[in-house]
Protein backbone atom coordinates (compact mmCIF):
# COMPACT_ATOMS: atom_id res chain seq x y z
CA MET A 1 17.32 8.88 -20.25
CA ALA A 2 15.86 7.13 -17.24
CA ARG A 3 13.69 9.20 -14.99
CA PRO A 4 14.55 8.94 -11.31
CA ASP A 5 11.85 7.38 -9.21
CA THR A 6 10.56 10.22 -7.08
CA ALA A 7 7.49 8.47 -5.71
CA LYS A 8 7.64 7.67 -2.03
CA THR A 9 6.62 4.14 -1.25
CA PHE A 10 5.52 2.60 1.99
CA THR A 11 4.44 -0.78 3.16
CA ALA A 12 1.40 -0.97 5.36
CA PRO A 13 1.18 -4.03 7.59
CA ALA A 14 -0.49 -7.03 5.98
CA SER A 15 -2.48 -7.81 9.12
CA ALA A 16 -3.22 -6.55 12.61
CA THR A 17 -4.75 -8.08 15.72
CA VAL A 18 -7.48 -6.34 17.70
CA THR A 19 -8.28 -7.41 21.25
CA LEU A 20 -11.98 -6.98 21.90
CA VAL A 21 -13.21 -5.15 25.00
CA GLU A 22 -16.42 -7.17 24.81
CA PRO A 23 -15.70 -10.67 23.44
CA ILE A 24 -18.15 -12.19 20.97
CA ALA A 25 -20.05 -15.15 22.45
CA ARG A 26 -20.15 -18.36 20.43
CA GLU A 27 -21.04 -21.92 21.36
CA SER A 28 -17.45 -22.95 20.66
CA GLY A 29 -16.19 -20.32 23.09
CA PRO A 30 -15.75 -16.56 23.20
CA ILE A 31 -13.90 -14.70 20.46
CA GLU A 32 -11.54 -12.33 22.25
CA THR A 33 -9.30 -11.23 19.37
CA LEU A 34 -9.77 -10.55 15.68
CA THR A 35 -7.05 -10.68 13.06
CA LEU A 36 -7.71 -8.19 10.29
CA ARG A 37 -6.05 -8.49 6.88
CA LYS A 38 -5.21 -5.55 4.70
CA PRO A 39 -8.11 -5.52 2.19
CA LYS A 40 -7.56 -6.50 -1.42
CA ALA A 41 -9.31 -4.79 -4.32
CA GLY A 42 -12.16 -7.30 -4.58
CA GLU A 43 -12.92 -6.98 -0.88
CA LEU A 44 -13.35 -3.23 -1.35
CA ARG A 45 -15.97 -3.66 -4.08
CA GLY A 46 -18.93 -1.36 -3.54
CA LEU A 47 -17.12 0.74 -0.93
CA ASN A 48 -15.73 4.24 -1.00
CA LEU A 49 -12.05 4.30 0.06
CA GLN A 50 -12.51 7.67 1.73
CA ALA A 51 -15.27 6.16 3.86
CA LEU A 52 -12.86 3.46 5.06
CA VAL A 53 -10.08 5.94 5.73
CA THR A 54 -12.45 7.97 7.92
CA ALA A 55 -13.78 4.76 9.56
CA ASP A 56 -17.35 5.34 8.39
CA VAL A 57 -19.54 2.91 10.34
CA ASN A 58 -21.35 1.46 7.30
CA ALA A 59 -18.09 0.94 5.41
CA VAL A 60 -16.45 -0.74 8.42
CA LEU A 61 -19.47 -3.00 9.00
CA THR A 62 -19.42 -3.99 5.32
CA VAL A 63 -15.71 -4.74 4.95
CA LEU A 64 -15.08 -6.37 8.35
CA PRO A 65 -16.55 -9.82 7.56
CA ARG A 66 -14.51 -9.84 4.33
CA ILE A 67 -11.13 -9.35 6.04
CA CYS A 68 -11.59 -10.84 9.50
CA ASP A 69 -10.32 -14.07 11.07
CA PRO A 70 -12.22 -15.74 12.54
CA PHE A 71 -15.06 -15.08 10.13
CA LEU A 72 -17.85 -13.01 11.67
CA THR A 73 -21.47 -13.07 10.59
CA ASP A 74 -23.31 -9.83 9.82
CA PRO A 75 -25.29 -10.04 13.11
CA GLU A 76 -22.04 -10.53 15.07
CA VAL A 77 -20.48 -7.52 13.38
CA ALA A 78 -23.58 -5.41 14.02
CA ALA A 79 -23.47 -6.38 17.72
CA LEU A 80 -19.90 -5.12 18.31
CA SER A 81 -19.58 -2.59 21.10
CA ALA A 82 -18.89 1.01 20.15
CA GLU A 83 -15.38 0.70 21.64
CA ASP A 84 -14.59 -2.40 19.61
CA LEU A 85 -16.06 -0.88 16.44
CA ALA A 86 -13.90 2.22 16.90
CA GLU A 87 -10.77 0.09 17.39
CA VAL A 88 -11.55 -2.04 14.33
CA GLY A 89 -12.31 1.07 12.25
CA GLY A 90 -9.05 2.69 13.28
CA THR A 91 -7.14 -0.47 12.45
CA ILE A 92 -8.72 -0.67 9.00
CA ALA A 93 -8.01 3.02 8.37
CA GLY A 94 -4.40 2.36 9.38
CA PHE A 95 -3.99 -0.04 6.46
CA PHE A 96 -4.29 2.99 4.16
CA MET A 97 -1.96 5.36 6.02
CA SER A 98 1.68 6.08 5.26
CA PRO A 99 4.24 5.92 8.08
CA ALA A 100 4.33 9.74 8.15
CA GLN A 101 0.56 9.90 8.56
CA LYS A 102 0.68 7.31 11.36
CA ALA A 103 3.43 9.27 13.11
CA ALA A 104 1.38 12.48 12.86
CA VAL A 105 -1.66 10.76 14.37
CA ALA A 106 0.46 9.27 17.16
CA GLN A 107 1.92 12.70 17.90
CA MET A 108 -1.55 14.27 18.02
CA LEU A 109 -2.65 11.57 20.46
CA GLY A 110 0.42 12.13 22.60
CA GLY A 111 2.06 8.82 21.69
């Protein structure tokens, strides 16, 4: 007898765009937005998932160059403003949240 599928599934977005408060200066012109991809298993190597979900600074700084377009160097990532780092960290954490979790966060923030 077939067992009914009781697991709830959700689809997190495959990518998200973050507009930087403080653009990154490059010779080719400023970088004002970053497109972040949902990380794949190999890009999470050496990281603790809980650290990413809680937007731990070291975890965010490590994974960001692996999932970011345009590619950022380690010094560029380390030079992000606190506001931009918080936005990027929240976006990355969002890749791991279910719709119900996102709705609960939005409600807590008054959104």
